[in-house]
């Protein structure tokens, strides 16, 4: 979908991406937090991206391309 492509593109072009950083980006202002979370869940479940716990803030997951 459009949201999944946008989230994927954002992750590939930025470092230390979290769901919060995606939500705070002006481009994603038209999408709800649950829509962004759904797109991230789709990408992680299809092994396109991976989510690893942040060392600074244990509540945040750092999103990166799957190796």
N, C-alpha and C. Protein backbone atom coordinates (compact mmCIF):
# COMPACT_ATOMS: atom_id res chain seq x y z
N UNK A 1 0.83 -1.20 0.00
CA UNK A 1 0.00 0.00 0.00
C UNK A 1 0.87 1.26 0.00
N UNK A 2 0.25 2.38 -0.15
CA UNK A 2 0.97 3.65 -0.18
C UNK A 2 1.70 3.93 1.13
N UNK A 3 1.05 3.64 2.24
CA UNK A 3 1.66 3.89 3.56
C UNK A 3 2.87 3.00 3.77
N UNK A 4 2.76 1.73 3.41
CA UNK A 4 3.88 0.80 3.56
C UNK A 4 5.07 1.23 2.72
N UNK A 5 4.82 1.67 1.49
CA UNK A 5 5.90 2.16 0.64
C UNK A 5 6.55 3.40 1.24
N UNK A 6 5.74 4.31 1.78
CA UNK A 6 6.26 5.54 2.37
C UNK A 6 7.10 5.23 3.61
N UNK A 7 6.62 4.32 4.46
CA UNK A 7 7.38 3.93 5.66
C UNK A 7 8.69 3.26 5.25
N UNK A 8 8.64 2.36 4.28
CA UNK A 8 9.85 1.69 3.80
C UNK A 8 10.85 2.70 3.27
N UNK A 9 10.39 3.64 2.49
CA UNK A 9 11.25 4.68 1.92
C UNK A 9 11.87 5.53 3.03
N UNK A 10 11.09 5.87 4.03
CA UNK A 10 11.59 6.68 5.16
C UNK A 10 12.69 5.92 5.91
N UNK A 11 12.48 4.62 6.13
CA UNK A 11 13.47 3.81 6.85
C UNK A 11 14.76 3.69 6.06
N UNK A 12 14.66 3.53 4.73
CA UNK A 12 15.87 3.37 3.91
C UNK A 12 16.67 4.66 3.80
N UNK A 13 16.02 5.81 3.94
CA UNK A 13 16.74 7.08 3.75
C UNK A 13 17.10 7.80 5.05
N UNK A 14 16.78 7.21 6.22
CA UNK A 14 17.11 7.84 7.49
C UNK A 14 17.75 6.83 8.43
N UNK A 15 18.52 7.34 9.41
CA UNK A 15 19.15 6.49 10.41
C UNK A 15 18.39 6.58 11.73
N UNK A 16 18.49 5.53 12.54
CA UNK A 16 17.84 5.47 13.86
C UNK A 16 16.35 5.80 13.79
N UNK A 17 15.65 5.14 12.89
CA UNK A 17 14.22 5.39 12.70
C UNK A 17 13.42 4.63 13.75
N UNK A 18 12.46 5.33 14.35
CA UNK A 18 11.50 4.71 15.27
C UNK A 18 10.10 5.07 14.78
N UNK A 19 9.10 4.42 15.34
CA UNK A 19 7.72 4.74 14.98
C UNK A 19 7.42 6.19 15.34
N UNK A 20 7.98 6.65 16.47
CA UNK A 20 7.79 8.04 16.90
C UNK A 20 8.39 9.01 15.89
N UNK A 21 9.59 8.71 15.40
CA UNK A 21 10.22 9.63 14.43
C UNK A 21 9.45 9.66 13.12
N UNK A 22 8.85 8.52 12.74
CA UNK A 22 8.01 8.50 11.54
C UNK A 22 6.78 9.37 11.77
N UNK A 23 6.13 9.19 12.91
CA UNK A 23 4.91 9.93 13.22
C UNK A 23 5.18 11.43 13.29
N UNK A 24 6.35 11.84 13.76
CA UNK A 24 6.69 13.26 13.90
C UNK A 24 7.10 13.91 12.59
N UNK A 25 7.35 13.11 11.56
CA UNK A 25 7.72 13.66 10.27
C UNK A 25 6.50 14.33 9.63
N UNK A 26 6.66 15.54 9.09
CA UNK A 26 5.51 16.25 8.51
C UNK A 26 4.78 15.48 7.41
N UNK A 27 5.50 14.67 6.65
CA UNK A 27 4.86 13.90 5.57
C UNK A 27 3.79 12.95 6.11
N UNK A 28 4.03 12.39 7.30
CA UNK A 28 3.13 11.40 7.87
C UNK A 28 2.05 12.00 8.75
N UNK A 29 1.91 13.31 8.74
CA UNK A 29 0.91 13.96 9.59
C UNK A 29 -0.52 13.56 9.21
N UNK A 30 -0.72 13.17 7.95
CA UNK A 30 -2.06 12.78 7.50
C UNK A 30 -2.43 11.36 7.91
N UNK A 31 -1.45 10.60 8.44
CA UNK A 31 -1.71 9.22 8.85
C UNK A 31 -1.80 9.12 10.36
N UNK A 32 -2.68 8.26 10.84
CA UNK A 32 -2.79 8.04 12.28
C UNK A 32 -1.65 7.14 12.76
N UNK A 33 -1.43 7.16 14.06
CA UNK A 33 -0.38 6.32 14.65
C UNK A 33 -0.67 4.84 14.40
N UNK A 34 -1.92 4.44 14.50
CA UNK A 34 -2.26 3.03 14.27
C UNK A 34 -2.01 2.61 12.82
N UNK A 35 -2.22 3.51 11.88
CA UNK A 35 -1.94 3.21 10.46
C UNK A 35 -0.44 3.00 10.25
N UNK A 36 0.37 3.85 10.88
CA UNK A 36 1.83 3.71 10.77
C UNK A 36 2.28 2.41 11.44
N UNK A 37 1.72 2.11 12.61
CA UNK A 37 2.07 0.86 13.31
C UNK A 37 1.69 -0.35 12.47
N UNK A 38 0.55 -0.30 11.81
CA UNK A 38 0.10 -1.40 10.95
C UNK A 38 1.06 -1.60 9.79
N UNK A 39 1.54 -0.51 9.20
CA UNK A 39 2.50 -0.60 8.09
C UNK A 39 3.82 -1.19 8.57
N UNK A 40 4.28 -0.77 9.75
CA UNK A 40 5.52 -1.31 10.32
C UNK A 40 5.36 -2.80 10.62
N UNK A 41 4.22 -3.18 11.17
CA UNK A 41 3.95 -4.59 11.47
C UNK A 41 3.95 -5.42 10.19
N UNK A 42 3.35 -4.90 9.13
CA UNK A 42 3.34 -5.60 7.84
C UNK A 42 4.77 -5.81 7.33
N UNK A 43 5.59 -4.75 7.39
CA UNK A 43 6.97 -4.83 6.89
C UNK A 43 7.83 -5.76 7.74
N UNK A 44 7.63 -5.77 9.05
CA UNK A 44 8.42 -6.66 9.91
C UNK A 44 7.97 -8.12 9.76
N UNK A 45 6.67 -8.35 9.65
CA UNK A 45 6.17 -9.73 9.52
C UNK A 45 6.56 -10.34 8.18
N UNK A 46 6.77 -9.52 7.17
CA UNK A 46 7.23 -10.02 5.86
C UNK A 46 8.75 -9.97 5.73
N UNK A 47 9.43 -9.73 6.84
CA UNK A 47 10.90 -9.73 6.93
C UNK A 47 11.57 -8.75 5.96
N UNK A 48 10.91 -7.63 5.75
CA UNK A 48 11.47 -6.57 4.91
C UNK A 48 12.32 -5.64 5.77
N UNK A 49 11.82 -5.36 6.98
CA UNK A 49 12.57 -4.56 7.95
C UNK A 49 12.66 -5.34 9.26
N UNK A 50 13.59 -4.92 10.12
CA UNK A 50 13.69 -5.53 11.44
C UNK A 50 13.56 -4.45 12.50
N UNK A 51 13.08 -4.85 13.66
CA UNK A 51 12.90 -3.93 14.79
C UNK A 51 13.74 -4.42 15.95
N UNK A 52 14.69 -3.59 16.37
CA UNK A 52 15.58 -3.94 17.49
C UNK A 52 15.44 -2.90 18.58
N UNK A 53 15.48 -3.36 19.82
CA UNK A 53 15.29 -2.47 20.96
C UNK A 53 16.42 -1.45 21.04
N UNK A 54 16.04 -0.19 21.30
CA UNK A 54 17.01 0.89 21.42
C UNK A 54 17.81 0.73 22.70
N UNK A 55 19.09 1.07 22.65
CA UNK A 55 19.92 0.99 23.86
C UNK A 55 19.69 2.20 24.76
N UNK A 56 19.28 3.34 24.19
CA UNK A 56 19.03 4.54 24.99
C UNK A 56 17.66 4.48 25.68
N UNK A 57 16.63 4.11 24.93
CA UNK A 57 15.27 4.08 25.46
C UNK A 57 14.67 2.71 25.17
N UNK A 58 14.55 1.90 26.20
CA UNK A 58 14.08 0.52 26.03
C UNK A 58 12.66 0.42 25.46
N UNK A 59 11.90 1.51 25.53
CA UNK A 59 10.53 1.49 24.99
C UNK A 59 10.51 1.63 23.48
N UNK A 60 11.58 2.17 22.91
CA UNK A 60 11.64 2.42 21.46
C UNK A 60 12.27 1.24 20.73
N UNK A 61 11.76 0.99 19.52
CA UNK A 61 12.34 -0.02 18.64
C UNK A 61 12.95 0.70 17.43
N UNK A 62 14.23 0.41 17.18
CA UNK A 62 14.92 0.98 16.02
C UNK A 62 14.59 0.12 14.80
N UNK A 63 14.10 0.77 13.76
CA UNK A 63 13.69 0.06 12.54
C UNK A 63 14.80 0.18 11.50
N UNK A 64 15.22 -0.97 10.97
CA UNK A 64 16.27 -1.01 9.95
C UNK A 64 15.89 -2.01 8.87
N UNK A 65 16.57 -1.92 7.73
CA UNK A 65 16.36 -2.89 6.66
C UNK A 65 16.83 -4.26 7.12
N UNK A 66 16.10 -5.29 6.74
CA UNK A 66 16.48 -6.65 7.11
C UNK A 66 17.78 -7.02 6.40
N UNK A 67 18.71 -7.58 7.13
CA UNK A 67 20.01 -7.95 6.55
C UNK A 67 19.95 -9.32 5.91
